């Protein structure tokens, strides 16, 4: 069944892109353009993606947390007074 009639994208194609790592409608759009024309299929794509396992989310969850420290090597430029 077609999900995106603008570009002729089927449920099977969306499922394949999801298996290949596309976890969001935006990533699906990058892979096959579905959802980038009229936008009418975006909710259907969201429903197909659901809340299932996402390979990227699982990889991110397994990584140790990243600590970011700010350094003031150079002061920020000041705006001229108005």
C-alpha atoms as a PDB file:
ATOM      1  CA  UNK A   1       0.000   0.000   0.000  1.00  0.00           C
ATOM      2  CA  UNK A   2       1.236   3.498  -0.813  1.00  0.00           C
ATOM      3  CA  UNK A   3       2.241   5.752   2.053  1.00  0.00           C
ATOM      4  CA  UNK A   4       3.350   8.714  -0.056  1.00  0.00           C
ATOM      5  CA  UNK A   5       1.415   9.157  -3.273  1.00  0.00           C
ATOM      6  CA  UNK A   6       3.516  12.187  -4.261  1.00  0.00           C
ATOM      7  CA  UNK A   7       6.623  10.024  -4.697  1.00  0.00           C
ATOM      8  CA  UNK A   8       5.073   6.538  -4.895  1.00  0.00           C
ATOM      9  CA  UNK A   9       6.618   5.292  -1.637  1.00  0.00           C
ATOM     10  CA  UNK A  10       5.126   2.125  -0.164  1.00  0.00           C
ATOM     11  CA  UNK A  11       4.878   0.796   3.381  1.00  0.00           C
ATOM     12  CA  UNK A  12       7.473  -1.826   2.475  1.00  0.00           C
ATOM     13  CA  UNK A  13       9.923   0.850   1.357  1.00  0.00           C
ATOM     14  CA  UNK A  14       9.428   2.805   4.592  1.00  0.00           C
ATOM     15  CA  UNK A  15       9.938  -0.412   6.568  1.00  0.00           C
ATOM     16  CA  UNK A  16      13.150  -1.123   4.642  1.00  0.00           C
ATOM     17  CA  UNK A  17      14.512   2.369   5.303  1.00  0.00           C
ATOM     18  CA  UNK A  18      13.638   1.935   8.989  1.00  0.00           C
ATOM     19  CA  UNK A  19      15.527  -1.369   9.028  1.00  0.00           C
ATOM     20  CA  UNK A  20      18.465   0.418   7.443  1.00  0.00           C
ATOM     21  CA  UNK A  21      18.543   2.873  10.358  1.00  0.00           C
ATOM     22  CA  UNK A  22      16.049   5.665   9.591  1.00  0.00           C
ATOM     23  CA  UNK A  23      14.283   6.259  12.909  1.00  0.00           C
ATOM     24  CA  UNK A  24      12.344   9.468  12.269  1.00  0.00           C
ATOM     25  CA  UNK A  25      10.108  10.840   9.519  1.00  0.00           C
ATOM     26  CA  UNK A  26      12.880  13.316   8.671  1.00  0.00           C
ATOM     27  CA  UNK A  27      15.367  10.484   8.175  1.00  0.00           C
ATOM     28  CA  UNK A  28      12.820   8.621   6.030  1.00  0.00           C
ATOM     29  CA  UNK A  29      12.395  11.816   3.991  1.00  0.00           C
ATOM     30  CA  UNK A  30      16.169  12.026   3.508  1.00  0.00           C
ATOM     31  CA  UNK A  31      16.226   8.438   2.310  1.00  0.00           C
ATOM     32  CA  UNK A  32      13.327   8.539  -0.170  1.00  0.00           C
ATOM     33  CA  UNK A  33      11.677  12.010  -0.203  1.00  0.00           C
ATOM     34  CA  UNK A  34       8.446  10.722   1.400  1.00  0.00           C
ATOM     35  CA  UNK A  35       6.831  13.559   3.342  1.00  0.00           C
ATOM     36  CA  UNK A  36       8.699  16.355   1.594  1.00  0.00           C
ATOM     37  CA  UNK A  37       6.043  17.482  -0.898  1.00  0.00           C
ATOM     38  CA  UNK A  38       2.518  17.900   0.477  1.00  0.00           C
ATOM     39  CA  UNK A  39       3.300  16.466   3.953  1.00  0.00           C
ATOM     40  CA  UNK A  40       0.095  14.434   4.048  1.00  0.00           C
ATOM     41  CA  UNK A  41       1.936  11.178   4.704  1.00  0.00           C
ATOM     42  CA  UNK A  42       4.076  12.298   7.646  1.00  0.00           C
ATOM     43  CA  UNK A  43       1.626  11.064  10.278  1.00  0.00           C
ATOM     44  CA  UNK A  44       1.334   7.717   8.511  1.00  0.00           C
ATOM     45  CA  UNK A  45       5.138   7.438   8.460  1.00  0.00           C
ATOM     46  CA  UNK A  46       5.199   8.252  12.189  1.00  0.00           C
ATOM     47  CA  UNK A  47       2.628   5.512  12.801  1.00  0.00           C
ATOM     48  CA  UNK A  48       4.650   3.003  10.781  1.00  0.00           C
ATOM     49  CA  UNK A  49       7.831   3.862  12.664  1.00  0.00           C
ATOM     50  CA  UNK A  50       6.000   3.679  15.991  1.00  0.00           C
ATOM     51  CA  UNK A  51       7.951   3.494  19.197  1.00  0.00           C
ATOM     52  CA  UNK A  52       9.858   0.387  18.179  1.00  0.00           C
ATOM     53  CA  UNK A  53      13.530  -0.247  18.612  1.00  0.00           C
ATOM     54  CA  UNK A  54      15.807   2.052  16.698  1.00  0.00           C
ATOM     55  CA  UNK A  55      19.370   0.884  16.063  1.00  0.00           C
ATOM     56  CA  UNK A  56      20.745   4.397  16.538  1.00  0.00           C
ATOM     57  CA  UNK A  57      18.909   4.945  19.819  1.00  0.00           C
ATOM     58  CA  UNK A  58      20.189   1.611  21.095  1.00  0.00           C
ATOM     59  CA  UNK A  59      23.770   2.509  20.135  1.00  0.00           C
ATOM     60  CA  UNK A  60      23.488   5.916  21.799  1.00  0.00           C
ATOM     61  CA  UNK A  61      22.081   4.357  24.961  1.00  0.00           C
ATOM     62  CA  UNK A  62      25.103   2.034  25.178  1.00  0.00           C
ATOM     63  CA  UNK A  63      27.653   4.844  24.933  1.00  0.00           C
ATOM     64  CA  UNK A  64      29.132   6.367  28.067  1.00  0.00           C
ATOM     65  CA  UNK A  65      27.902   9.903  28.788  1.00  0.00           C
ATOM     66  CA  UNK A  66      29.884  12.711  27.222  1.00  0.00           C
ATOM     67  CA  UNK A  67      31.143  15.393  29.553  1.00  0.00           C
ATOM     68  CA  UNK A  68      31.505  18.812  28.007  1.00  0.00           C
ATOM     69  CA  UNK A  69      33.562  21.482  29.657  1.00  0.00           C
ATOM     70  CA  UNK A  70      33.542  25.082  28.600  1.00  0.00           C
ATOM     71  CA  UNK A  71      36.775  26.952  28.336  1.00  0.00           C
ATOM     72  CA  UNK A  72      37.146  30.667  27.949  1.00  0.00           C
ATOM     73  CA  UNK A  73      40.162  30.741  25.699  1.00  0.00           C
ATOM     74  CA  UNK A  74      38.995  33.926  24.116  1.00  0.00           C
ATOM     75  CA  UNK A  75      36.369  36.350  25.440  1.00  0.00           C
ATOM     76  CA  UNK A  76      33.211  36.783  23.415  1.00  0.00           C
ATOM     77  CA  UNK A  77      33.024  39.955  21.329  1.00  0.00           C
ATOM     78  CA  UNK A  78      30.914  42.727  22.836  1.00  0.00           C
ATOM     79  CA  UNK A  79      28.141  44.429  20.925  1.00  0.00           C
ATOM     80  CA  UNK A  80      28.580  48.117  20.324  1.00  0.00           C
ATOM     81  CA  UNK A  81      26.367  50.271  22.510  1.00  0.00           C
ATOM     82  CA  UNK A  82      23.312  51.623  20.725  1.00  0.00           C
END
